[in-house]
Protein backbone atom coordinates (compact mmCIF):
# COMPACT_ATOMS: atom_id res chain seq x y z
CA MET A 1 0.00 0.00 0.00
CA MET A 2 1.37 3.40 -0.99
CA MET A 3 1.39 6.11 1.68
CA ILE A 4 0.87 9.72 0.68
CA ASP A 5 2.65 12.29 2.82
CA PHE A 6 0.35 15.33 2.77
CA PRO A 7 1.29 18.48 4.73
CA TYR A 8 -1.97 18.95 6.64
CA ALA A 9 -0.64 21.50 9.15
CA THR A 10 1.01 23.61 6.47
CA THR A 11 -2.11 23.55 4.32
CA LEU A 12 -4.31 24.60 7.21
CA ALA A 13 -1.87 27.35 8.23
CA ALA A 14 -1.79 28.70 4.67
CA ALA A 15 -5.59 28.71 4.44
CA ILE A 16 -6.01 30.45 7.78
CA GLY A 17 -3.32 32.98 6.86
CA ALA A 18 -4.99 33.85 3.57
CA PHE A 19 -8.38 34.07 5.28
CA ALA A 20 -6.95 36.39 7.95
CA LEU A 21 -5.32 38.56 5.30
CA GLY A 22 -8.71 38.94 3.60
CA LEU A 23 -10.36 39.86 6.91
CA ILE A 24 -7.73 42.53 7.51
CA TRP A 25 -7.85 43.81 3.93
CA TYR A 26 -11.61 44.36 3.93
CA HIS A 27 -11.71 45.85 7.43
CA PRO A 28 -13.29 49.34 7.27
CA LYS A 29 -10.12 50.97 8.59
CA VAL A 30 -7.88 49.38 5.97
CA MET A 31 -9.59 49.05 2.56
CA GLY A 32 -13.17 48.15 3.50
CA GLY A 33 -14.22 51.79 3.78
CA ARG A 34 -12.97 52.49 0.27
CA TRP A 35 -14.69 49.32 -0.98
CA MET A 36 -18.01 50.40 0.57
CA HIS A 37 -17.63 53.90 -0.89
CA LEU A 38 -16.95 52.58 -4.39
CA HIS A 39 -19.99 50.28 -4.17
CA GLY A 40 -22.21 53.06 -2.83
CA LYS A 41 -22.81 51.38 0.53
CA LYS A 42 -22.70 52.64 4.08
CA GLY A 43 -21.74 50.81 7.26
CA GLU A 44 -25.41 50.51 8.22
CA ASP A 45 -26.20 48.79 4.89
CA ILE A 46 -23.83 45.89 5.58
CA GLN A 47 -25.38 43.07 7.60
CA PRO A 48 -22.66 40.56 8.53
CA ARG A 49 -23.69 36.94 8.00
CA PRO A 50 -21.57 33.90 8.80
CA LEU A 51 -22.09 32.02 5.52
CA PRO A 52 -19.65 34.07 3.38
CA PHE A 53 -16.95 33.71 6.02
CA ILE A 54 -17.43 29.96 6.35
CA LEU A 55 -17.53 29.45 2.58
CA SER A 56 -14.45 31.62 2.12
CA LEU A 57 -12.46 29.62 4.66
CA ILE A 58 -13.48 26.33 3.03
CA LEU A 59 -12.46 27.63 -0.40
CA TRP A 60 -9.11 28.84 0.98
CA VAL A 61 -8.46 25.37 2.40
CA ILE A 62 -9.17 23.86 -1.03
CA ALA A 63 -6.93 26.41 -2.74
CA ALA A 64 -4.14 25.80 -0.22
CA CYS A 65 -4.24 22.10 -1.07
CA PHE A 66 -3.08 22.88 -4.60
CA TYR A 67 -0.49 25.53 -3.82
């Protein structure tokens, strides 16, 4: 039987790092305020929901598997 040595810890660390970078990037004090202004939105218009965050983290884990 052939064993596959997959770097699980490194993959998870890369996914969490990319996810955290996105959270910081779109924070209103970094670039999120500019993003909201360009899309014609205000802070009151944005209702945070957990689904985009969960889906984003899952997709980052998948992407980290290939890079």
